[in-house]
Protein backbone atom coordinates (compact mmCIF):
# COMPACT_ATOMS: atom_id res chain seq x y z
CA UNK A 1 -51.27 9.66 91.70
CA UNK A 2 -49.22 11.76 89.24
CA UNK A 3 -46.27 14.00 90.05
CA UNK A 4 -45.76 17.53 88.81
CA UNK A 5 -42.41 19.29 88.56
CA UNK A 6 -42.35 23.05 88.01
CA UNK A 7 -39.05 24.49 86.84
CA UNK A 8 -37.79 28.01 86.35
CA UNK A 9 -39.80 29.80 89.03
CA UNK A 10 -38.57 33.13 90.36
CA UNK A 11 -37.28 32.86 93.90
CA UNK A 12 -39.89 35.44 94.96
CA UNK A 13 -42.67 33.05 93.87
CA UNK A 14 -41.13 30.19 95.82
CA UNK A 15 -40.81 32.39 98.91
CA UNK A 16 -44.42 33.59 98.55
CA UNK A 17 -45.57 29.96 98.30
CA UNK A 18 -43.65 29.04 101.43
CA UNK A 19 -45.03 32.05 103.31
CA UNK A 20 -48.57 31.23 102.25
CA UNK A 21 -48.07 27.59 103.23
CA UNK A 22 -46.80 28.64 106.65
CA UNK A 23 -49.80 30.92 107.15
CA UNK A 24 -52.08 27.96 106.42
CA UNK A 25 -50.09 25.55 108.57
CA UNK A 26 -49.05 23.18 105.80
CA UNK A 27 -46.05 22.32 103.66
CA UNK A 28 -45.21 24.16 100.46
CA UNK A 29 -46.11 21.01 98.53
CA UNK A 30 -49.52 20.78 100.21
CA UNK A 31 -50.08 24.49 99.56
CA UNK A 32 -49.17 24.00 95.91
CA UNK A 33 -51.72 21.18 95.65
CA UNK A 34 -54.38 23.33 97.33
CA UNK A 35 -53.73 26.26 94.96
CA UNK A 36 -53.90 24.05 91.87
CA UNK A 37 -57.02 22.31 93.12
CA UNK A 38 -58.81 25.60 93.85
CA UNK A 39 -57.81 27.10 90.51
CA UNK A 40 -58.75 24.11 88.38
CA UNK A 41 -61.68 22.53 90.21
CA UNK A 42 -63.98 25.55 90.23
CA UNK A 43 -67.64 25.39 89.39
CA UNK A 44 -68.55 24.47 85.83
CA UNK A 45 -69.66 27.42 83.74
CA UNK A 46 -73.30 27.23 82.75
CA UNK A 47 -74.44 27.69 79.18
CA UNK A 48 -76.59 30.67 78.24
CA UNK A 49 -79.58 28.33 77.85
CA UNK A 50 -79.06 26.99 81.38
CA UNK A 51 -78.93 30.52 82.77
CA UNK A 52 -82.16 31.45 80.96
CA UNK A 53 -83.97 28.35 82.20
CA UNK A 54 -82.90 29.12 85.78
CA UNK A 55 -84.35 32.65 85.72
CA UNK A 56 -87.41 32.98 87.95
CA UNK A 57 -90.81 34.00 86.64
CA UNK A 58 -91.10 37.63 87.74
CA UNK A 59 -94.46 38.62 86.33
CA UNK A 60 -96.40 39.34 83.18
CA UNK A 61 -95.02 41.21 80.18
CA UNK A 62 -97.52 43.98 80.93
CA UNK A 63 -95.75 44.59 84.23
CA UNK A 64 -92.76 45.89 82.28
CA UNK A 65 -94.51 48.21 79.81
CA UNK A 66 -93.31 51.81 79.76
CA UNK A 67 -95.61 54.25 81.43
CA UNK A 68 -96.67 57.10 79.16
CA UNK A 69 -95.06 55.68 76.05
CA UNK A 70 -96.29 57.73 73.09
CA UNK A 71 -94.35 56.10 70.25
CA UNK A 72 -95.13 52.93 68.40
CA UNK A 73 -92.92 50.29 70.09
CA UNK A 74 -91.78 49.08 66.65
CA UNK A 75 -90.50 52.58 65.80
CA UNK A 76 -87.47 52.61 68.09
CA UNK A 77 -85.27 54.64 65.71
CA UNK A 78 -87.86 57.20 64.67
């Protein structure tokens, strides 16, 4: 397992880390590992194509037509 050394932190950051570690009942080192793990091991972002494929079928195109539309749909700037 690799080691990580972080230098030049403000004392307020170190104190906040220690306080957070104490609130979670673990050492500052264990809290540091947990913070890094949570920040860097999040869910993978899906591509736009994956999001589109995952969308449910919600009906027919006719279900979404405007009621009382009087203009030609192709003339949106007219």
